[in-house]
Amino acid sequence: MILGTVTKQPAETFSRYIDFVRRLDSSETLTGVGVTATDAASGSDTTAVVVSQPAISGTKGQARLSAGFTADSHVIQVRVTTSLGNTYEDEFLLLIREE
């Protein structure tokens, strides 16, 4: 499910987090995270171009966004695994625009 849209300029680098707290049981914790990127137009894998350093911060999965080319659009998927063996994922649209 696409949660929303993030816009960045090509030279910007920053993190975005997706909070999975509403899906977790009271004793469940995040144990792993993976972040992937897909070109919205072609469907090709662009992970190496626009994301790096996936991390966990409490109940949140982190996507570190960097680089990219003006006018490109990417679907960023954050997938987490939990202490109970569950896997959850959410996505957002990354628009790269020179403003």
Protein backbone atom coordinates (compact mmCIF):
# COMPACT_ATOMS: atom_id res chain seq x y z
CA MET A 1 0.00 0.00 0.00
CA ILE A 2 1.40 3.41 -0.98
CA LEU A 3 1.39 5.56 2.17
CA GLY A 4 2.21 8.90 0.58
CA THR A 5 4.71 10.88 -1.45
CA VAL A 6 8.13 12.26 -0.57
CA THR A 7 9.81 14.83 -2.81
CA LYS A 8 13.57 15.44 -2.82
CA GLN A 9 16.12 17.20 -4.97
CA PRO A 10 18.86 15.10 -6.62
CA ALA A 11 21.65 16.28 -4.28
CA GLU A 12 19.66 15.90 -1.04
CA THR A 13 20.28 13.04 1.37
CA PHE A 14 17.94 12.32 4.30
CA SER A 15 16.04 9.52 6.06
CA ARG A 16 12.37 8.68 6.07
CA TYR A 17 10.79 6.30 8.55
CA ILE A 18 7.71 4.10 8.43
CA ASP A 19 6.27 3.30 11.85
CA PHE A 20 4.88 -0.23 12.15
CA VAL A 21 3.68 0.16 15.77
CA ARG A 22 0.00 -0.36 14.90
CA ARG A 23 0.75 -3.78 13.42
CA LEU A 24 2.90 -5.10 16.26
CA ASP A 25 1.64 -7.17 19.18
CA SER A 26 2.52 -5.75 22.60
CA SER A 27 5.61 -7.96 23.03
CA GLU A 28 6.68 -7.94 19.36
CA THR A 29 9.82 -6.09 18.26
CA LEU A 30 11.46 -5.41 14.91
CA THR A 31 14.44 -7.66 14.18
CA GLY A 32 15.26 -6.84 10.56
CA VAL A 33 14.62 -4.31 7.82
CA GLY A 34 15.09 -4.19 4.07
CA VAL A 35 14.55 -1.25 1.76
CA THR A 36 14.18 -1.50 -2.01
CA ALA A 37 13.49 1.01 -4.77
CA THR A 38 11.78 0.45 -8.10
CA ASP A 39 11.55 2.92 -10.98
CA ALA A 40 7.85 3.83 -11.11
CA ALA A 41 7.81 4.02 -14.91
CA SER A 42 9.90 1.02 -15.97
CA GLY A 43 9.70 -1.26 -12.94
CA SER A 44 13.49 -1.67 -12.90
CA ASP A 45 15.39 -2.04 -9.64
CA THR A 46 16.86 1.32 -8.58
CA THR A 47 17.81 0.41 -5.02
CA ALA A 48 21.54 1.05 -5.55
CA VAL A 49 20.77 4.51 -6.95
CA VAL A 50 18.44 6.07 -4.35
CA VAL A 51 18.51 4.14 -1.05
CA SER A 52 21.17 3.09 1.44
CA GLN A 53 21.68 2.23 5.09
CA PRO A 54 18.37 0.59 6.05
CA ALA A 55 17.98 0.59 9.82
CA ILE A 56 15.56 -0.03 12.67
CA SER A 57 14.66 2.70 15.15
CA GLY A 58 12.30 1.26 17.76
CA THR A 59 9.10 0.40 15.88
CA LYS A 60 10.21 2.19 12.70
CA GLY A 61 11.96 1.02 9.55
CA GLN A 62 14.35 3.60 8.07
CA ALA A 63 14.95 4.34 4.40
CA ARG A 64 17.99 6.59 3.74
CA LEU A 65 17.30 8.48 0.49
CA SER A 66 20.10 9.89 -1.66
CA ALA A 67 21.06 10.78 -5.23
CA GLY A 68 18.70 10.19 -8.15
CA PHE A 69 17.93 12.09 -11.34
CA THR A 70 15.55 15.00 -11.84
CA ALA A 71 12.05 13.95 -12.97
CA ASP A 72 12.50 10.32 -11.88
CA SER A 73 9.90 8.64 -9.66
CA HIS A 74 10.58 5.60 -7.49
CA VAL A 75 8.47 3.33 -5.33
CA ILE A 76 10.33 2.84 -2.05
CA GLN A 77 9.39 -0.31 -0.14
CA VAL A 78 10.27 -0.79 3.52
CA ARG A 79 9.91 -4.41 4.70
CA VAL A 80 10.46 -5.41 8.32
CA THR A 81 10.64 -8.75 10.11
CA THR A 82 9.69 -9.21 13.74
CA SER A 83 10.57 -11.22 16.82
CA LEU A 84 7.43 -13.32 16.23
CA GLY A 85 8.45 -14.19 12.67
CA ASN A 86 6.03 -11.80 10.98
CA THR A 87 6.86 -9.72 7.93
CA TYR A 88 5.25 -6.33 7.28
CA GLU A 89 5.78 -3.91 4.43
CA ASP A 90 4.68 -0.48 3.31
CA GLU A 91 5.65 1.76 0.42
CA PHE A 92 5.86 5.41 -0.50
CA LEU A 93 6.44 7.25 -3.75
CA LEU A 94 9.71 9.19 -4.08
CA LEU A 95 9.65 12.05 -6.58
CA ILE A 96 12.97 13.60 -7.55
CA ARG A 97 12.49 17.21 -8.58
CA GLU A 98 14.81 20.17 -8.92
CA GLU A 99 13.00 23.05 -7.22
